[in-house]
PDB file of N, CA and C in Angstrom:
ATOM      1  N   UNK A   1      42.889  21.650  32.421  1.00  0.00           N
ATOM      2  CA  UNK A   1      41.795  21.270  31.535  1.00  0.00           C
ATOM      3  C   UNK A   1      40.458  21.546  32.223  1.00  0.00           C
ATOM      4  N   UNK A   2      39.473  21.869  31.412  1.00  0.00           N
ATOM      5  CA  UNK A   2      38.114  22.118  31.893  1.00  0.00           C
ATOM      6  C   UNK A   2      37.257  20.918  31.526  1.00  0.00           C
ATOM      7  N   UNK A   3      36.355  20.565  32.423  1.00  0.00           N
ATOM      8  CA  UNK A   3      35.453  19.437  32.201  1.00  0.00           C
ATOM      9  C   UNK A   3      34.019  19.889  32.439  1.00  0.00           C
ATOM     10  N   UNK A   4      33.085  19.092  31.922  1.00  0.00           N
ATOM     11  CA  UNK A   4      31.661  19.399  32.086  1.00  0.00           C
ATOM     12  C   UNK A   4      30.965  18.196  32.703  1.00  0.00           C
ATOM     13  N   UNK A   5      30.233  18.475  33.756  1.00  0.00           N
ATOM     14  CA  UNK A   5      29.366  17.467  34.392  1.00  0.00           C
ATOM     15  C   UNK A   5      27.936  17.888  34.094  1.00  0.00           C
ATOM     16  N   UNK A   6      27.130  16.936  33.653  1.00  0.00           N
ATOM     17  CA  UNK A   6      25.757  17.241  33.242  1.00  0.00           C
ATOM     18  C   UNK A   6      24.778  16.537  34.175  1.00  0.00           C
ATOM     19  N   UNK A   7      23.912  17.340  34.765  1.00  0.00           N
ATOM     20  CA  UNK A   7      22.836  16.816  35.607  1.00  0.00           C
ATOM     21  C   UNK A   7      21.532  16.899  34.837  1.00  0.00           C
ATOM     22  N   UNK A   8      20.644  16.007  35.149  1.00  0.00           N
ATOM     23  CA  UNK A   8      19.321  15.949  34.546  1.00  0.00           C
ATOM     24  C   UNK A   8      18.356  16.621  35.520  1.00  0.00           C
ATOM     25  N   UNK A   9      17.695  17.688  35.083  1.00  0.00           N
ATOM     26  CA  UNK A   9      16.773  18.399  35.975  1.00  0.00           C
ATOM     27  C   UNK A   9      15.656  17.504  36.503  1.00  0.00           C
ATOM     28  N   UNK A  10      15.301  16.462  35.755  1.00  0.00           N
ATOM     29  CA  UNK A  10      14.251  15.556  36.214  1.00  0.00           C
ATOM     30  C   UNK A  10      14.703  14.771  37.445  1.00  0.00           C
ATOM     31  N   UNK A  11      16.010  14.554  37.546  1.00  0.00           N
ATOM     32  CA  UNK A  11      16.588  13.837  38.686  1.00  0.00           C
ATOM     33  C   UNK A  11      17.498  14.795  39.457  1.00  0.00           C
ATOM     34  N   UNK A  12      16.965  15.933  39.823  1.00  0.00           N
ATOM     35  CA  UNK A  12      17.710  17.012  40.459  1.00  0.00           C
ATOM     36  C   UNK A  12      18.540  16.514  41.642  1.00  0.00           C
ATOM     37  N   UNK A  13      19.810  16.831  41.643  1.00  0.00           N
ATOM     38  CA  UNK A  13      20.777  16.503  42.687  1.00  0.00           C
ATOM     39  C   UNK A  13      21.008  14.997  42.875  1.00  0.00           C
ATOM     40  N   UNK A  14      20.643  14.200  41.904  1.00  0.00           N
ATOM     41  CA  UNK A  14      20.890  12.762  41.963  1.00  0.00           C
ATOM     42  C   UNK A  14      22.180  12.476  41.196  1.00  0.00           C
ATOM     43  N   UNK A  15      23.267  12.300  41.926  1.00  0.00           N
ATOM     44  CA  UNK A  15      24.563  12.072  41.286  1.00  0.00           C
ATOM     45  C   UNK A  15      24.590  10.816  40.428  1.00  0.00           C
ATOM     46  N   UNK A  16      23.740   9.854  40.734  1.00  0.00           N
ATOM     47  CA  UNK A  16      23.695   8.639  39.930  1.00  0.00           C
ATOM     48  C   UNK A  16      23.175   8.906  38.519  1.00  0.00           C
ATOM     49  N   UNK A  17      22.446   9.979  38.334  1.00  0.00           N
ATOM     50  CA  UNK A  17      21.890  10.327  37.025  1.00  0.00           C
ATOM     51  C   UNK A  17      22.762  11.332  36.271  1.00  0.00           C
ATOM     52  N   UNK A  18      23.760  11.892  36.935  1.00  0.00           N
ATOM     53  CA  UNK A  18      24.671  12.843  36.298  1.00  0.00           C
ATOM     54  C   UNK A  18      25.775  12.086  35.569  1.00  0.00           C
ATOM     55  N   UNK A  19      26.383  12.765  34.590  1.00  0.00           N
ATOM     56  CA  UNK A  19      27.484  12.136  33.857  1.00  0.00           C
ATOM     57  C   UNK A  19      28.515  13.187  33.466  1.00  0.00           C
ATOM     58  N   UNK A  20      29.717  12.730  33.207  1.00  0.00           N
ATOM     59  CA  UNK A  20      30.795  13.579  32.720  1.00  0.00           C
ATOM     60  C   UNK A  20      30.848  13.490  31.202  1.00  0.00           C
ATOM     61  N   UNK A  21      31.018  14.622  30.540  1.00  0.00           N
ATOM     62  CA  UNK A  21      31.309  14.570  29.104  1.00  0.00           C
ATOM     63  C   UNK A  21      32.695  13.968  28.936  1.00  0.00           C
ATOM     64  N   UNK A  22      32.878  13.228  27.890  1.00  0.00           N
ATOM     65  CA  UNK A  22      34.192  12.646  27.627  1.00  0.00           C
ATOM     66  C   UNK A  22      35.181  13.715  27.151  1.00  0.00           C
ATOM     67  N   UNK A  23      34.649  14.769  26.553  1.00  0.00           N
ATOM     68  CA  UNK A  23      35.496  15.845  26.052  1.00  0.00           C
ATOM     69  C   UNK A  23      36.121  16.628  27.208  1.00  0.00           C
ATOM     70  N   UNK A  24      37.333  17.091  26.998  1.00  0.00           N
ATOM     71  CA  UNK A  24      37.970  18.041  27.899  1.00  0.00           C
ATOM     72  C   UNK A  24      38.340  19.256  27.069  1.00  0.00           C
ATOM     73  N   UNK A  25      38.446  20.401  27.722  1.00  0.00           N
ATOM     74  CA  UNK A  25      38.624  21.658  27.015  1.00  0.00           C
ATOM     75  C   UNK A  25      39.838  22.400  27.542  1.00  0.00           C
ATOM     76  N   UNK A  26      40.566  22.995  26.625  1.00  0.00           N
ATOM     77  CA  UNK A  26      41.766  23.748  26.975  1.00  0.00           C
ATOM     78  C   UNK A  26      41.429  25.043  27.705  1.00  0.00           C
ATOM     79  N   UNK A  27      40.348  25.692  27.287  1.00  0.00           N
ATOM     80  CA  UNK A  27      40.022  27.002  27.844  1.00  0.00           C
ATOM     81  C   UNK A  27      38.614  27.017  28.435  1.00  0.00           C
ATOM     82  N   UNK A  28      38.411  27.962  29.322  1.00  0.00           N
ATOM     83  CA  UNK A  28      37.089  28.165  29.913  1.00  0.00           C
ATOM     84  C   UNK A  28      36.072  28.519  28.823  1.00  0.00           C
ATOM     85  N   UNK A  29      36.487  29.349  27.883  1.00  0.00           N
ATOM     86  CA  UNK A  29      35.572  29.781  26.816  1.00  0.00           C
ATOM     87  C   UNK A  29      35.071  28.602  25.995  1.00  0.00           C
ATOM     88  N   UNK A  30      35.964  27.671  25.665  1.00  0.00           N
ATOM     89  CA  UNK A  30      35.560  26.486  24.902  1.00  0.00           C
ATOM     90  C   UNK A  30      34.573  25.639  25.700  1.00  0.00           C
ATOM     91  N   UNK A  31      34.846  25.467  26.971  1.00  0.00           N
ATOM     92  CA  UNK A  31      33.965  24.659  27.816  1.00  0.00           C
ATOM     93  C   UNK A  31      32.596  25.315  27.955  1.00  0.00           C
ATOM     94  N   UNK A  32      32.567  26.624  28.147  1.00  0.00           N
ATOM     95  CA  UNK A  32      31.290  27.330  28.278  1.00  0.00           C
ATOM     96  C   UNK A  32      30.502  27.241  26.974  1.00  0.00           C
ATOM     97  N   UNK A  33      31.172  27.373  25.847  1.00  0.00           N
ATOM     98  CA  UNK A  33      30.471  27.253  24.557  1.00  0.00           C
ATOM     99  C   UNK A  33      29.848  25.865  24.408  1.00  0.00           C
ATOM    100  N   UNK A  34      30.562  24.837  24.826  1.00  0.00           N
ATOM    101  CA  UNK A  34      30.013  23.469  24.753  1.00  0.00           C
ATOM    102  C   UNK A  34      28.833  23.309  25.708  1.00  0.00           C
ATOM    103  N   UNK A  35      28.935  23.895  26.899  1.00  0.00           N
ATOM    104  CA  UNK A  35      27.820  23.843  27.853  1.00  0.00           C
ATOM    105  C   UNK A  35      26.605  24.555  27.283  1.00  0.00           C
ATOM    106  N   UNK A  36      26.815  25.678  26.613  1.00  0.00           N
ATOM    107  CA  UNK A  36      25.702  26.394  25.976  1.00  0.00           C
ATOM    108  C   UNK A  36      25.041  25.537  24.910  1.00  0.00           C
ATOM    109  N   UNK A  37      25.831  24.778  24.150  1.00  0.00           N
ATOM    110  CA  UNK A  37      25.268  23.877  23.135  1.00  0.00           C
ATOM    111  C   UNK A  37      24.364  22.834  23.787  1.00  0.00           C
ATOM    112  N   UNK A  38      24.813  22.309  24.907  1.00  0.00           N
ATOM    113  CA  UNK A  38      24.021  21.301  25.621  1.00  0.00           C
ATOM    114  C   UNK A  38      22.685  21.893  26.056  1.00  0.00           C
ATOM    115  N   UNK A  39      22.725  23.088  26.634  1.00  0.00           N
ATOM    116  CA  UNK A  39      21.485  23.737  27.079  1.00  0.00           C
ATOM    117  C   UNK A  39      20.588  24.044  25.886  1.00  0.00           C
ATOM    118  N   UNK A  40      21.164  24.568  24.813  1.00  0.00           N
ATOM    119  CA  UNK A  40      20.366  24.901  23.629  1.00  0.00           C
ATOM    120  C   UNK A  40      19.656  23.655  23.091  1.00  0.00           C
ATOM    121  N   UNK A  41      20.396  22.559  22.951  1.00  0.00           N
ATOM    122  CA  UNK A  41      19.790  21.321  22.452  1.00  0.00           C
ATOM    123  C   UNK A  41      18.692  20.823  23.391  1.00  0.00           C
ATOM    124  N   UNK A  42      18.923  20.968  24.674  1.00  0.00           N
ATOM    125  CA  UNK A  42      17.928  20.546  25.661  1.00  0.00           C
ATOM    126  C   UNK A  42      16.676  21.413  25.558  1.00  0.00           C
ATOM    127  N   UNK A  43      16.870  22.720  25.388  1.00  0.00           N
ATOM    128  CA  UNK A  43      15.726  23.630  25.212  1.00  0.00           C
ATOM    129  C   UNK A  43      14.963  23.290  23.929  1.00  0.00           C
ATOM    130  N   UNK A  44      15.703  23.007  22.906  1.00  0.00           N
ATOM    131  CA  UNK A  44      15.088  22.619  21.620  1.00  0.00           C
ATOM    132  C   UNK A  44      14.241  21.359  21.794  1.00  0.00           C
ATOM    133  N   UNK A  45      14.774  20.392  22.535  1.00  0.00           N
ATOM    134  CA  UNK A  45      14.068  19.124  22.754  1.00  0.00           C
ATOM    135  C   UNK A  45      12.741  19.306  23.495  1.00  0.00           C
ATOM    136  N   UNK A  46      12.641  20.354  24.318  1.00  0.00           N
ATOM    137  CA  UNK A  46      11.407  20.586  25.082  1.00  0.00           C
ATOM    138  C   UNK A  46      10.586  21.727  24.487  1.00  0.00           C
ATOM    139  N   UNK A  47      10.857  22.059  23.238  1.00  0.00           N
ATOM    140  CA  UNK A  47      10.048  23.064  22.550  1.00  0.00           C
ATOM    141  C   UNK A  47      10.320  24.495  22.998  1.00  0.00           C
ATOM    142  N   UNK A  48      11.519  24.751  23.482  1.00  0.00           N
ATOM    143  CA  UNK A  48      11.918  26.092  23.932  1.00  0.00           C
ATOM    144  C   UNK A  48      10.969  26.655  24.986  1.00  0.00           C
ATOM    145  N   UNK A  49      10.505  25.776  25.866  1.00  0.00           N
ATOM    146  CA  UNK A  49       9.656  26.189  26.989  1.00  0.00           C
ATOM    147  C   UNK A  49      10.482  26.094  28.272  1.00  0.00           C
ATOM    148  N   UNK A  50      10.694  27.232  28.910  1.00  0.00           N
ATOM    149  CA  UNK A  50      11.544  27.284  30.093  1.00  0.00           C
ATOM    150  C   UNK A  50      11.041  26.361  31.202  1.00  0.00           C
ATOM    151  N   UNK A  51       9.743  26.335  31.420  1.00  0.00           N
ATOM    152  CA  UNK A  51       9.196  25.481  32.482  1.00  0.00           C
ATOM    153  C   UNK A  51       9.542  24.012  32.227  1.00  0.00           C
ATOM    154  N   UNK A  52       9.466  23.594  30.981  1.00  0.00           N
ATOM    155  CA  UNK A  52       9.808  22.206  30.658  1.00  0.00           C
ATOM    156  C   UNK A  52      11.307  21.963  30.801  1.00  0.00           C
ATOM    157  N   UNK A  53      12.111  22.956  30.424  1.00  0.00           N
ATOM    158  CA  UNK A  53      13.555  22.808  30.599  1.00  0.00           C
ATOM    159  C   UNK A  53      13.885  22.605  32.079  1.00  0.00           C
ATOM    160  N   UNK A  54      13.284  23.417  32.941  1.00  0.00           N
ATOM    161  CA  UNK A  54      13.607  23.317  34.366  1.00  0.00           C
ATOM    162  C   UNK A  54      13.110  22.005  34.970  1.00  0.00           C
ATOM    163  N   UNK A  55      12.189  21.345  34.306  1.00  0.00           N
ATOM    164  CA  UNK A  55      11.703  20.044  34.782  1.00  0.00           C
ATOM    165  C   UNK A  55      12.479  18.872  34.177  1.00  0.00           C
ATOM    166  N   UNK A  56      12.855  19.001  32.894  1.00  0.00           N
ATOM    167  CA  UNK A  56      13.371  17.843  32.171  1.00  0.00           C
ATOM    168  C   UNK A  56      14.713  18.056  31.486  1.00  0.00           C
ATOM    169  N   UNK A  57      15.215  19.278  31.448  1.00  0.00           N
ATOM    170  CA  UNK A  57      16.409  19.580  30.667  1.00  0.00           C
ATOM    171  C   UNK A  57      17.716  19.144  31.302  1.00  0.00           C
ATOM    172  N   UNK A  58      18.756  19.191  30.493  1.00  0.00           N
ATOM    173  CA  UNK A  58      20.108  18.902  30.960  1.00  0.00           C
ATOM    174  C   UNK A  58      20.740  20.186  31.481  1.00  0.00           C
ATOM    175  N   UNK A  59      21.373  20.096  32.635  1.00  0.00           N
ATOM    176  CA  UNK A  59      21.961  21.264  33.289  1.00  0.00           C
ATOM    177  C   UNK A  59      23.465  21.047  33.462  1.00  0.00           C
ATOM    178  N   UNK A  60      24.266  21.538  32.500  1.00  0.00           N
ATOM    179  CA  UNK A  60      25.705  21.330  32.584  1.00  0.00           C
ATOM    180  C   UNK A  60      26.378  22.305  33.547  1.00  0.00           C
ATOM    181  N   UNK A  61      27.433  21.812  34.179  1.00  0.00           N
ATOM    182  CA  UNK A  61      28.269  22.625  35.057  1.00  0.00           C
ATOM    183  C   UNK A  61      29.696  22.511  34.541  1.00  0.00           C
ATOM    184  N   UNK A  62      30.342  23.644  34.361  1.00  0.00           N
ATOM    185  CA  UNK A  62      31.718  23.671  33.882  1.00  0.00           C
ATOM    186  C   UNK A  62      32.647  23.724  35.091  1.00  0.00           C
ATOM    187  N   UNK A  63      33.554  22.780  35.131  1.00  0.00           N
ATOM    188  CA  UNK A  63      34.516  22.708  36.236  1.00  0.00           C
ATOM    189  C   UNK A  63      35.918  22.907  35.685  1.00  0.00           C
ATOM    190  N   UNK A  64      36.631  23.817  36.318  1.00  0.00           N
ATOM    191  CA  UNK A  64      37.974  24.138  35.876  1.00  0.00           C
ATOM    192  C   UNK A  64      39.030  23.386  36.649  1.00  0.00           C
ATOM    193  N   UNK A  65      40.277  23.677  36.332  1.00  0.00           N
ATOM    194  CA  UNK A  65      41.386  23.079  37.069  1.00  0.00           C
ATOM    195  C   UNK A  65      41.375  23.529  38.530  1.00  0.00           C
ATOM    196  N   UNK A  66      42.117  22.839  39.369  1.00  0.00           N
ATOM    197  CA  UNK A  66      42.107  23.161  40.804  1.00  0.00           C
ATOM    198  C   UNK A  66      42.427  24.622  41.133  1.00  0.00           C
ATOM    199  N   UNK A  67      43.234  25.273  40.312  1.00  0.00           N
ATOM    200  CA  UNK A  67      43.617  26.654  40.606  1.00  0.00           C
ATOM    201  C   UNK A  67      42.578  27.677  40.144  1.00  0.00           C
ATOM    202  N   UNK A  68      41.482  27.206  39.529  1.00  0.00           N
ATOM    203  CA  UNK A  68      40.406  28.101  39.086  1.00  0.00           C
ATOM    204  C   UNK A  68      39.283  28.011  40.106  1.00  0.00           C
ATOM    205  N   UNK A  69      38.969  29.125  40.789  1.00  0.00           N
ATOM    206  CA  UNK A  69      37.980  29.060  41.871  1.00  0.00           C
ATOM    207  C   UNK A  69      36.589  28.620  41.412  1.00  0.00           C
ATOM    208  N   UNK A  70      36.085  29.195  40.315  1.00  0.00           N
ATOM    209  CA  UNK A  70      34.732  28.843  39.862  1.00  0.00           C
ATOM    210  C   UNK A  70      34.513  29.402  38.468  1.00  0.00           C
ATOM    211  N   UNK A  71      33.913  28.597  37.618  1.00  0.00           N
ATOM    212  CA  UNK A  71      33.557  29.062  36.278  1.00  0.00           C
ATOM    213  C   UNK A  71      32.153  29.628  36.357  1.00  0.00           C
ATOM    214  N   UNK A  72      31.998  30.843  35.903  1.00  0.00           N
ATOM    215  CA  UNK A  72      30.712  31.522  35.994  1.00  0.00           C
ATOM    216  C   UNK A  72      29.833  31.168  34.787  1.00  0.00           C
ATOM    217  N   UNK A  73      29.105  30.078  34.909  1.00  0.00           N
ATOM    218  CA  UNK A  73      28.137  29.684  33.887  1.00  0.00           C
ATOM    219  C   UNK A  73      26.972  29.015  34.594  1.00  0.00           C
ATOM    220  N   UNK A  74      25.769  29.418  34.228  1.00  0.00           N
ATOM    221  CA  UNK A  74      24.561  28.806  34.772  1.00  0.00           C
ATOM    222  C   UNK A  74      23.716  28.301  33.608  1.00  0.00           C
ATOM    223  N   UNK A  75      23.492  27.000  33.582  1.00  0.00           N
ATOM    224  CA  UNK A  75      22.639  26.424  32.547  1.00  0.00           C
ATOM    225  C   UNK A  75      21.237  26.993  32.588  1.00  0.00           C
ATOM    226  N   UNK A  76      20.729  27.189  33.778  1.00  0.00           N
ATOM    227  CA  UNK A  76      19.372  27.724  33.936  1.00  0.00           C
ATOM    228  C   UNK A  76      19.277  29.161  33.424  1.00  0.00           C
ATOM    229  N   UNK A  77      20.281  29.971  33.739  1.00  0.00           N
ATOM    230  CA  UNK A  77      20.278  31.362  33.263  1.00  0.00           C
ATOM    231  C   UNK A  77      20.394  31.401  31.742  1.00  0.00           C
ATOM    232  N   UNK A  78      21.228  30.550  31.190  1.00  0.00           N
ATOM    233  CA  UNK A  78      21.350  30.522  29.735  1.00  0.00           C
ATOM    234  C   UNK A  78      20.043  30.024  29.096  1.00  0.00           C
ATOM    235  N   UNK A  79      19.375  29.077  29.730  1.00  0.00           N
ATOM    236  CA  UNK A  79      18.090  28.607  29.223  1.00  0.00           C
ATOM    237  C   UNK A  79      17.071  29.739  29.205  1.00  0.00           C
ATOM    238  N   UNK A  80      17.142  30.628  30.191  1.00  0.00           N
ATOM    239  CA  UNK A  80      16.234  31.793  30.196  1.00  0.00           C
ATOM    240  C   UNK A  80      16.477  32.658  28.966  1.00  0.00           C
ATOM    241  N   UNK A  81      17.744  32.820  28.585  1.00  0.00           N
ATOM    242  CA  UNK A  81      18.063  33.591  27.382  1.00  0.00           C
ATOM    243  C   UNK A  81      17.523  32.906  26.128  1.00  0.00           C
ATOM    244  N   UNK A  82      17.686  31.593  26.073  1.00  0.00           N
ATOM    245  CA  UNK A  82      17.288  30.826  24.884  1.00  0.00           C
ATOM    246  C   UNK A  82      15.775  30.698  24.777  1.00  0.00           C
ATOM    247  N   UNK A  83      15.133  30.382  25.886  1.00  0.00           N
ATOM    248  CA  UNK A  83      13.692  30.106  25.885  1.00  0.00           C
ATOM    249  C   UNK A  83      12.852  31.357  26.167  1.00  0.00           C
ATOM    250  N   UNK A  84      13.448  32.339  26.791  1.00  0.00           N
ATOM    251  CA  UNK A  84      12.652  33.471  27.271  1.00  0.00           C
ATOM    252  C   UNK A  84      12.136  33.149  28.670  1.00  0.00           C
ATOM    253  N   UNK A  85      11.747  34.176  29.394  1.00  0.00           N
ATOM    254  CA  UNK A  85      11.339  33.939  30.794  1.00  0.00           C
ATOM    255  C   UNK A  85       9.902  33.717  30.954  1.00  0.00           C
TER     256      UNK A  85
END
């Protein structure tokens, strides 16, 4: 199963401010799509301004099962696509 941990850019690297989504996903693709939704909503909340997203937005990380080395998804990179650079 794939899971998503969401960090708040305003509290960068503060594990106390991060949370796990309750949802779990069968596939990497499903988890990445959900992470993209989180970033999109966060960008929308800050007026699609990249600078504001990097200060205040939600930054999800997709974590796979132990046998999956790393899921290639970056909330910040996706925010650049959504908001523009």
